[in-house]
Amino acid sequence: MNQHTPPHSPAPAQVASAQVAPAATIGAHAATLRAQLQAISSGLFPPTAAKGLRRFTSAEAARIIGVTVSRLQQLAAEGLGPQPEVSANGRRSYTLSDIHGLRAYLDENTRGGRRYQPRRSGAEHLQVVAVANFKGGSGKTTTTAHLAQSLVLRGYRVLAIDLDPQASLSALMGVQPELDVGADETLYGAIRYDDAKPLREVVRPTYFTGLDLVPANLELMEFEHETPRALTRRRAGEPLFFDRVAHAIDTVAQDYDIVVIDCPPQLGYLTLSALCAATSLLITVHPQMLDVASMSQFLAMTEDLLGVVAESGGRLHYDWLRYLVTRYEQQDAPQTRIVGMLRTLFEDAVLTAPMLKSSAVSDAGLSKQTLYEIGREGVTRSTYDRALESLEAVNGEIEGLIRRAWGRP
C-alpha cells in the first residue's frame, strides 16, 4: 500500500460518484416537498374549496360584542338586528358578519354614548403595527395572525400585509402562495419601481369578515434584488425605497383602522420599508439565550440602518415599541430567568402578558387555523381556555396601546 494514501480513502471514481450537483438536488427536493405539501393542503382544502369560518354561539357572540346573552336573546326574540341561525335543538349561532351587524345596530339604537364599533375617527391616524424579529421561530407569524383576528373581533377594520416571501401568514389565511397568488398580486405589485399598480387592486377580502389581506409569495424577493439598481438610477422626486410601503398604505388608509405587517425574518429592504411605514413596532422574542442573543444583533443592526434612513429623510416615529415574550413555558426555570432579565433591562417596554406555549395553538396550526377559528370543541377545553386567556391578555394590552395612541381612555 502506498504510504501516502490513507487505508480507507475511496478511489477517484468513487469520489466523483459521491459528489452532488447542488442545484439539481435542491431543485428536486423542492419539487418533491412542494408536491407533498400541496397534497396535504388539498386534503384539508380542496382546490375548489374556499376556507370558511365557523359560527359563534350566543355566549361567544355576547362576549365578543360586549353585551349579555340575555340582551342578544331579547334582540332575537324581537326580530331586531341580524338574526341568528337556530338549530334543531334550539341553539342560536351567529356568523362574524352577523356580529358586525349587531354592533352597527346597537350603535344606532343605544342611548348613553357607548359605542360598540371602536373605529377610528378622521382625527385619529391609521395605526400600522410592524411585527418583526431577526430570527425565525420566534412566533412572529402566529402573533400577527392572532393579533389581526382579535382586533377584528373587537370591532376594528384590519388589513394584514404578508411581507415574508415564505408566505406563512398567507397560508394561515387560506391562500396558497404557489397556486392562488399570481404576478403583481403581492405588495411587490404596488411598490415595484416600474408599472406599479394601486394597492387597492392587490388587497383581497378573507373568510374572516372585516379582515383583508395582502398576500405574499417569492415574488417579493424581486424588491430586494431591484432596490440596489433603483438607487443608482433614481429620478428626482421619486420616493426612496423606504418610503414606498408607506406611500402604498396611505392610498388605502381611509378603509382601515389598523394595519398589521408580518415582516420577513431578516433585515433587508422589505423589513426596513415596513419599519419606516410603521407607527408602532412589536418585537417577538422566544425566551431562550440564543434567541435573545440574535435579537441583540437585530437591534444593533436596526439602529445602524434606521440611522442611515433618518439621515436620508425617512420618517421614523413610533407611538409605541414593545417586546412580546412568545412560546413561554411558565414551568421552565431558565425561560423564567430570561424573562426576568428582559423585564429588568427594558421595564415597561416588555408587554406584561406573555404568549404562552400551547398545544391548542399548535394543533390549530396543523390544519392552518388559529385559536379563534377552531373553538373550544377542537381541543381539550381547559387547554383551549388557558391558551385563549393568554392570547386575549396579549391582544388586549396591544389594543390598549393603540387606543392610547389615539388619545382614548
Protein backbone atom coordinates (compact mmCIF):
# COMPACT_ATOMS: atom_id res chain seq x y z
CA MET A 1 0.00 0.00 0.00
CA ASN A 2 1.29 3.48 -0.81
CA GLN A 3 2.30 5.08 2.46
CA HIS A 4 0.87 8.42 1.38
CA THR A 5 -2.63 7.01 0.75
CA PRO A 6 -4.90 6.60 3.80
CA PRO A 7 -6.01 2.97 4.03
CA HIS A 8 -9.72 3.80 3.73
CA SER A 9 -9.59 6.54 1.09
CA PRO A 10 -12.08 5.96 -1.73
CA ALA A 11 -10.80 5.58 -5.24
CA PRO A 12 -11.07 8.65 -7.51
CA ALA A 13 -14.04 7.16 -9.34
CA GLN A 14 -15.84 6.67 -6.02
CA VAL A 15 -15.18 10.29 -5.01
CA ALA A 16 -16.69 11.54 -8.27
CA SER A 17 -19.78 9.39 -7.91
CA ALA A 18 -20.34 10.60 -4.34
CA GLN A 19 -20.42 14.25 -5.36
CA VAL A 20 -23.77 16.00 -5.54
CA ALA A 21 -24.97 18.58 -8.05
CA PRO A 22 -26.43 21.06 -5.56
CA ALA A 23 -28.78 22.98 -7.85
CA ALA A 24 -30.34 19.83 -9.32
CA THR A 25 -30.61 18.11 -5.94
CA ILE A 26 -32.11 21.11 -4.16
CA GLY A 27 -34.50 21.63 -7.06
CA ALA A 28 -35.61 18.00 -6.94
CA HIS A 29 -36.09 18.17 -3.19
CA ALA A 30 -38.07 21.41 -3.52
CA ALA A 31 -40.36 19.87 -6.16
CA THR A 32 -40.89 16.73 -4.07
CA LEU A 33 -41.67 18.68 -0.92
CA ARG A 34 -43.93 21.12 -2.78
CA ALA A 35 -45.92 18.24 -4.26
CA GLN A 36 -46.33 16.63 -0.84
CA LEU A 37 -47.41 19.89 0.80
CA GLN A 38 -49.91 20.52 -1.99
CA ALA A 39 -51.30 17.02 -1.50
CA ILE A 40 -51.70 17.65 2.22
CA SER A 41 -53.23 21.07 1.58
CA SER A 42 -55.63 19.62 -1.00
CA GLY A 43 -56.75 17.08 1.57
CA LEU A 44 -57.53 19.85 4.05
CA PHE A 45 -58.75 22.40 1.50
CA PRO A 46 -59.57 21.03 -1.97
CA PRO A 47 -58.63 23.43 -4.83
CA THR A 48 -62.30 24.19 -5.46
CA ALA A 49 -62.99 24.92 -1.78
CA ALA A 50 -62.64 28.25 -0.01
CA LYS A 51 -61.64 28.47 3.61
CA GLY A 52 -64.57 29.38 5.84
CA LEU A 53 -65.09 30.49 9.41
CA ARG A 54 -67.21 28.64 11.94
CA ARG A 55 -70.33 30.14 13.51
CA PHE A 56 -70.24 31.59 17.01
CA THR A 57 -72.52 30.57 19.87
CA SER A 58 -74.71 33.13 21.64
CA ALA A 59 -72.30 33.17 24.58
CA GLU A 60 -69.32 33.78 22.29
CA ALA A 61 -71.16 36.47 20.31
CA ALA A 62 -72.21 38.25 23.51
CA ARG A 63 -68.63 38.22 24.82
CA ILE A 64 -67.22 39.47 21.52
CA ILE A 65 -69.75 42.33 21.27
CA GLY A 66 -69.66 43.20 24.95
CA VAL A 67 -73.30 42.57 25.90
CA THR A 68 -75.09 39.96 27.97
CA VAL A 69 -76.53 36.78 26.49
CA SER A 70 -79.97 37.90 27.66
CA ARG A 71 -79.57 41.10 25.60
CA LEU A 72 -78.88 39.03 22.49
CA GLN A 73 -81.83 36.80 23.26
CA GLN A 74 -84.04 39.87 23.59
CA LEU A 75 -82.90 41.22 20.21
CA ALA A 76 -83.52 37.83 18.60
CA ALA A 77 -86.97 37.49 20.19
CA GLU A 78 -87.99 40.96 18.96
CA GLY A 79 -86.52 40.44 15.49
CA LEU A 80 -84.10 43.36 15.87
CA GLY A 81 -80.76 43.45 14.11
CA PRO A 82 -79.20 40.49 12.30
CA GLN A 83 -80.94 37.30 13.34
CA PRO A 84 -79.15 34.13 14.45
CA GLU A 85 -79.47 30.73 12.89
CA VAL A 86 -81.43 28.39 15.13
CA SER A 87 -80.54 24.67 15.11
CA ALA A 88 -82.96 21.80 15.52
CA ASN A 89 -82.25 21.70 19.25
CA GLY A 90 -82.93 25.42 19.61
CA ARG A 91 -79.34 26.67 19.87
CA ARG A 92 -78.65 30.05 18.32
CA SER A 93 -75.47 30.82 16.39
CA TYR A 94 -74.08 33.87 14.59
CA THR A 95 -71.67 34.49 11.72
CA LEU A 96 -68.93 37.05 12.15
CA SER A 97 -70.84 39.23 9.68
CA ASP A 98 -73.89 38.98 11.98
CA ILE A 99 -71.75 40.12 14.90
CA HIS A 100 -70.52 43.15 12.97
CA GLY A 101 -74.13 43.92 12.01
CA LEU A 102 -75.26 43.69 15.62
CA ARG A 103 -72.54 46.15 16.61
CA ALA A 104 -73.78 48.60 14.00
CA TYR A 105 -77.41 48.11 15.10
CA LEU A 106 -76.53 48.69 18.77
CA ASP A 107 -74.58 51.84 17.91
CA GLU A 108 -77.63 53.23 16.11
CA ASN A 109 -80.13 52.28 18.80
CA THR A 110 -78.34 52.55 22.15
CA ARG A 111 -78.51 55.72 24.17
CA GLY A 112 -75.92 56.91 26.65
CA GLY A 113 -72.90 57.42 24.38
CA ARG A 114 -71.49 53.88 24.46
CA ARG A 115 -70.06 52.78 21.12
CA TYR A 116 -69.87 49.13 20.08
CA GLN A 117 -67.86 49.83 16.93
CA PRO A 118 -64.47 51.23 18.04
CA ARG A 119 -63.49 52.52 14.60
CA ARG A 120 -61.11 55.45 14.44
CA SER A 121 -62.32 58.94 13.69
CA GLY A 122 -60.92 61.16 10.98
CA ALA A 123 -58.72 62.87 13.55
CA GLU A 124 -57.12 59.58 14.64
CA HIS A 125 -54.24 58.39 12.48
CA LEU A 126 -54.04 54.94 10.96
CA GLN A 127 -52.18 52.52 13.20
CA VAL A 128 -49.56 50.48 11.33
CA VAL A 129 -48.12 47.75 13.57
CA ALA A 130 -44.98 46.03 12.28
CA VAL A 131 -44.30 42.63 13.86
CA ALA A 132 -40.61 41.87 13.49
CA ASN A 133 -37.68 39.74 14.54
CA PHE A 134 -34.38 38.79 13.01
CA LYS A 135 -34.76 35.08 13.82
CA GLY A 136 -37.31 32.62 12.51
CA GLY A 137 -39.28 30.58 15.01
CA SER A 138 -40.00 33.47 17.37
CA GLY A 139 -43.77 33.19 16.86
CA LYS A 140 -43.93 36.24 14.60
CA THR A 141 -46.49 34.92 12.12
CA THR A 142 -48.63 33.28 14.81
CA THR A 143 -48.62 36.58 16.70
CA THR A 144 -49.56 38.57 13.58
CA ALA A 145 -52.45 36.29 12.64
CA HIS A 146 -53.96 36.16 16.12
CA LEU A 147 -53.50 39.90 16.66
CA ALA A 148 -55.20 40.75 13.36
CA GLN A 149 -58.14 38.42 14.02
CA SER A 150 -58.51 39.57 17.63
CA LEU A 151 -58.69 43.21 16.55
CA VAL A 152 -61.40 42.32 14.01
CA LEU A 153 -63.37 40.52 16.70
CA ARG A 154 -63.07 43.68 18.81
CA GLY A 155 -64.71 45.66 16.01
CA TYR A 156 -61.82 47.24 14.10
CA ARG A 157 -61.29 47.25 10.33
CA VAL A 158 -57.97 45.49 9.79
CA LEU A 159 -55.58 44.97 6.88
CA ALA A 160 -52.92 42.26 7.25
CA ILE A 161 -49.86 42.56 5.00
CA ASP A 162 -47.67 39.50 4.48
CA LEU A 163 -44.17 40.77 3.67
CA ASP A 164 -42.43 37.44 4.20
CA PRO A 165 -41.64 35.71 0.87
CA GLN A 166 -42.18 32.38 2.66
CA ALA A 167 -45.86 33.43 2.91
CA SER A 168 -46.71 31.62 6.15
CA LEU A 169 -49.32 34.24 7.09
CA SER A 170 -50.97 33.91 3.67
CA ALA A 171 -51.13 30.12 4.05
CA LEU A 172 -52.67 30.51 7.51
CA MET A 173 -55.29 32.78 5.95
CA GLY A 174 -56.23 30.12 3.40
CA VAL A 175 -54.19 31.47 0.48
CA GLN A 176 -51.81 29.02 -1.21
CA PRO A 177 -48.88 31.17 -2.39
CA GLU A 178 -47.88 28.85 -5.24
CA LEU A 179 -51.41 28.46 -6.61
CA ASP A 180 -53.54 31.42 -5.54
CA VAL A 181 -51.13 34.36 -5.89
CA GLY A 182 -50.20 35.49 -9.37
CA ALA A 183 -47.80 38.08 -10.73
CA ASP A 184 -48.07 41.50 -9.07
CA GLU A 185 -50.64 40.17 -6.57
CA THR A 186 -48.34 40.71 -3.58
CA LEU A 187 -47.25 44.03 -2.09
CA TYR A 188 -44.46 44.00 -4.66
CA GLY A 189 -47.04 44.84 -7.32
CA ALA A 190 -47.77 48.13 -5.53
CA ILE A 191 -44.18 49.09 -4.60
CA ARG A 192 -42.23 47.98 -7.67
CA TYR A 193 -40.15 50.61 -9.44
CA ASP A 194 -41.88 50.26 -12.80
CA ASP A 195 -45.54 49.74 -13.65
CA ALA A 196 -46.69 49.71 -10.01
CA LYS A 197 -50.41 49.12 -9.54
CA PRO A 198 -52.70 50.65 -6.87
CA LEU A 199 -52.58 48.73 -3.58
CA ARG A 200 -56.37 48.60 -3.65
CA GLU A 201 -56.10 46.17 -6.58
CA VAL A 202 -53.84 43.86 -4.56
CA VAL A 203 -55.89 43.77 -1.34
CA ARG A 204 -58.26 40.82 -1.12
CA PRO A 205 -61.01 40.07 1.42
CA THR A 206 -60.72 36.98 3.60
CA TYR A 207 -63.18 34.50 5.06
CA PHE A 208 -62.69 36.35 8.36
CA THR A 209 -65.17 39.18 7.70
CA GLY A 210 -63.58 42.57 8.41
CA LEU A 211 -60.03 41.31 7.82
CA ASP A 212 -58.42 41.97 4.43
CA LEU A 213 -55.11 40.54 3.25
CA VAL A 214 -52.20 41.47 1.01
CA PRO A 215 -50.72 38.01 0.36
CA ALA A 216 -47.12 37.05 -0.25
CA ASN A 217 -45.03 34.67 -2.31
CA LEU A 218 -41.46 34.50 -3.62
CA GLU A 219 -42.17 37.44 -5.94
CA LEU A 220 -41.40 39.77 -3.01
CA MET A 221 -37.71 38.92 -3.38
CA GLU A 222 -37.73 40.99 -6.57
CA PHE A 223 -37.86 44.12 -4.41
CA GLU A 224 -34.67 43.04 -2.64
CA HIS A 225 -32.97 42.49 -5.99
CA GLU A 226 -34.23 45.62 -7.74
CA THR A 227 -33.68 48.17 -4.99
CA PRO A 228 -29.86 48.40 -5.28
CA ARG A 229 -30.20 49.03 -9.03
CA ALA A 230 -33.01 51.53 -8.48
CA LEU A 231 -30.89 53.52 -6.02
CA THR A 232 -28.27 54.12 -8.72
CA ARG A 233 -30.79 55.41 -11.29
CA ARG A 234 -33.31 57.18 -9.08
CA ARG A 235 -35.09 60.10 -10.71
CA ALA A 236 -35.61 63.39 -8.90
CA GLY A 237 -38.77 63.39 -6.81
CA GLU A 238 -39.18 59.62 -6.91
CA PRO A 239 -39.74 58.08 -3.45
CA LEU A 240 -36.76 56.26 -1.99
CA PHE A 241 -37.20 52.56 -1.27
CA PHE A 242 -38.00 53.11 2.40
CA ASP A 243 -40.99 55.33 1.55
CA ARG A 244 -42.66 53.01 -0.94
CA VAL A 245 -44.55 50.81 1.53
CA ALA A 246 -45.78 53.86 3.45
CA HIS A 247 -46.96 55.53 0.23
CA ALA A 248 -48.84 52.38 -0.81
CA ILE A 249 -50.54 52.05 2.59
CA ASP A 250 -51.55 55.72 2.54
CA THR A 251 -53.68 55.08 -0.55
CA VAL A 252 -55.99 52.70 1.39
CA ALA A 253 -55.75 54.33 4.82
CA GLN A 254 -59.37 55.52 4.83
CA ASP A 255 -60.60 51.91 4.59
CA TYR A 256 -58.94 50.67 7.79
CA ASP A 257 -58.33 51.42 11.43
CA ILE A 258 -55.26 49.21 11.85
CA VAL A 259 -52.70 47.63 9.53
CA VAL A 260 -50.63 44.69 10.80
CA ILE A 261 -47.44 43.77 8.90
CA ASP A 262 -45.72 40.39 9.17
CA CYS A 263 -42.10 41.27 8.40
CA PRO A 264 -39.53 38.89 6.91
CA PRO A 265 -37.07 37.28 9.38
CA GLN A 266 -34.15 39.29 8.02
CA LEU A 267 -33.20 42.93 7.91
CA GLY A 268 -33.44 43.63 4.19
CA TYR A 269 -35.09 46.36 2.14
CA LEU A 270 -38.58 44.96 2.72
CA THR A 271 -38.20 44.95 6.50
CA LEU A 272 -36.66 48.43 6.53
CA SER A 273 -39.52 49.72 4.39
CA ALA A 274 -42.05 48.19 6.80
CA LEU A 275 -40.27 49.71 9.81
CA CYS A 276 -40.40 53.12 8.12
CA ALA A 277 -44.10 52.73 7.32
CA ALA A 278 -44.97 51.61 10.85
CA THR A 279 -46.43 53.78 13.58
CA SER A 280 -45.71 51.07 16.16
CA LEU A 281 -43.25 48.20 16.48
CA LEU A 282 -43.83 44.83 18.13
CA ILE A 283 -40.73 42.64 18.50
CA THR A 284 -41.36 38.99 19.29
CA VAL A 285 -38.78 37.12 21.36
CA HIS A 286 -38.63 33.48 22.39
CA PRO A 287 -37.06 33.34 25.89
CA GLN A 288 -34.02 31.23 25.01
CA MET A 289 -30.49 32.59 25.27
CA LEU A 290 -29.67 32.01 21.59
CA ASP A 291 -32.85 33.83 20.56
CA VAL A 292 -32.10 36.75 22.88
CA ALA A 293 -28.54 36.95 21.51
CA SER A 294 -29.97 37.01 17.98
CA MET A 295 -32.38 39.77 19.00
CA SER A 296 -29.42 41.77 20.30
CA GLN A 297 -27.84 41.61 16.85
CA PHE A 298 -31.17 42.54 15.26
CA LEU A 299 -31.48 45.64 17.47
CA ALA A 300 -27.90 46.74 16.80
CA MET A 301 -28.28 46.39 13.03
CA THR A 302 -31.67 48.07 13.09
CA GLU A 303 -30.24 51.06 14.96
CA ASP A 304 -27.49 51.50 12.38
CA LEU A 305 -29.74 51.12 9.35
CA LEU A 306 -32.56 53.28 10.68
CA GLY A 307 -29.99 55.94 11.47
CA VAL A 308 -28.95 55.97 7.83
CA VAL A 309 -32.60 56.08 6.74
CA ALA A 310 -33.30 59.02 9.08
CA GLU A 311 -30.33 60.92 7.65
CA SER A 312 -31.79 60.36 4.17
CA GLY A 313 -35.12 61.88 5.18
CA GLY A 314 -37.04 58.77 6.23
CA ARG A 315 -39.93 59.32 8.63
CA LEU A 316 -39.34 57.49 11.89
CA HIS A 317 -41.72 57.98 14.77
CA TYR A 318 -43.34 55.24 16.79
CA ASP A 319 -46.33 55.65 19.06
CA TRP A 320 -45.01 52.66 20.98
CA LEU A 321 -42.38 49.93 20.84
CA ARG A 322 -42.87 46.73 22.80
CA TYR A 323 -41.30 43.31 23.20
CA LEU A 324 -43.61 40.29 23.33
CA VAL A 325 -42.42 37.11 25.00
CA THR A 326 -43.68 34.20 22.89
CA ARG A 327 -43.93 30.42 23.33
CA TYR A 328 -43.36 30.94 27.04
CA GLU A 329 -43.36 27.90 29.34
CA GLN A 330 -44.03 29.12 32.86
CA GLN A 331 -42.61 25.99 34.50
CA ASP A 332 -39.31 26.33 32.61
CA ALA A 333 -36.89 27.91 35.11
CA PRO A 334 -34.29 29.12 32.53
CA GLN A 335 -37.03 30.79 30.49
CA THR A 336 -38.38 32.47 33.61
CA ARG A 337 -34.91 33.84 34.40
CA ILE A 338 -34.54 35.21 30.87
CA VAL A 339 -37.96 36.87 31.03
CA GLY A 340 -36.97 38.41 34.37
CA MET A 341 -33.75 39.71 32.79
CA LEU A 342 -35.69 41.27 29.90
CA ARG A 343 -38.13 42.97 32.28
CA THR A 344 -35.21 44.32 34.33
CA LEU A 345 -33.46 45.66 31.23
CA PHE A 346 -36.43 47.02 29.28
CA GLU A 347 -39.01 47.53 32.07
CA ASP A 348 -42.38 48.63 30.65
CA ALA A 349 -41.23 48.04 27.07
CA VAL A 350 -41.88 44.32 27.68
CA LEU A 351 -45.58 43.52 27.48
CA THR A 352 -46.96 42.41 30.81
CA ALA A 353 -48.73 39.42 29.27
CA PRO A 354 -46.62 36.74 27.55
CA MET A 355 -47.92 34.45 24.84
CA LEU A 356 -47.85 31.02 26.43
CA LYS A 357 -46.71 27.94 24.56
CA SER A 358 -49.83 25.86 24.00
CA SER A 359 -50.67 22.61 22.26
CA ALA A 360 -54.02 24.23 21.36
CA VAL A 361 -52.28 26.77 19.12
CA SER A 362 -50.03 24.06 17.64
CA ASP A 363 -52.99 21.76 16.97
CA ALA A 364 -54.87 24.59 15.26
CA GLY A 365 -51.84 25.32 13.09
CA LEU A 366 -51.76 21.75 11.78
CA SER A 367 -54.98 22.48 9.90
CA LYS A 368 -53.94 26.05 9.01
CA GLN A 369 -56.23 27.61 11.58
CA THR A 370 -55.91 29.96 14.52
CA LEU A 371 -57.22 29.53 18.03
CA TYR A 372 -60.11 31.88 17.22
CA GLU A 373 -61.17 29.63 14.37
CA ILE A 374 -61.18 26.19 15.96
CA GLY A 375 -63.34 26.98 19.01
CA ARG A 376 -63.43 25.03 22.26
CA GLU A 377 -64.72 21.89 20.55
CA GLY A 378 -61.44 21.44 18.66
CA VAL A 379 -59.21 20.68 21.67
CA THR A 380 -59.38 19.94 25.38
CA ARG A 381 -61.48 22.71 26.92
CA SER A 382 -59.08 23.55 29.74
CA THR A 383 -56.18 23.75 27.29
CA TYR A 384 -58.19 25.95 24.93
CA ASP A 385 -59.39 28.27 27.70
CA ARG A 386 -55.87 28.71 29.08
CA ALA A 387 -54.45 29.48 25.62
CA LEU A 388 -57.29 31.86 24.76
CA GLU A 389 -56.87 33.72 28.06
CA SER A 390 -53.18 34.20 27.25
CA LEU A 391 -53.89 35.44 23.72
CA GLU A 392 -56.64 37.80 24.83
CA ALA A 393 -54.39 39.28 27.51
CA VAL A 394 -51.66 39.97 24.93
CA ASN A 395 -54.01 41.36 22.30
CA GLY A 396 -55.96 43.39 24.86
CA GLU A 397 -52.74 45.01 26.01
CA ILE A 398 -51.84 45.89 22.42
CA GLU A 399 -55.34 47.29 21.83
CA GLY A 400 -54.82 49.48 24.89
CA LEU A 401 -51.60 50.86 23.39
CA ILE A 402 -53.41 51.61 20.13
CA ARG A 403 -56.24 53.38 21.92
CA ARG A 404 -53.80 55.48 23.95
CA ALA A 405 -52.02 56.45 20.73
CA TRP A 406 -55.38 57.81 19.59
CA GLY A 407 -55.85 59.66 22.87
CA ARG A 408 -58.70 57.44 24.01
CA PRO A 409 -59.23 56.30 27.58
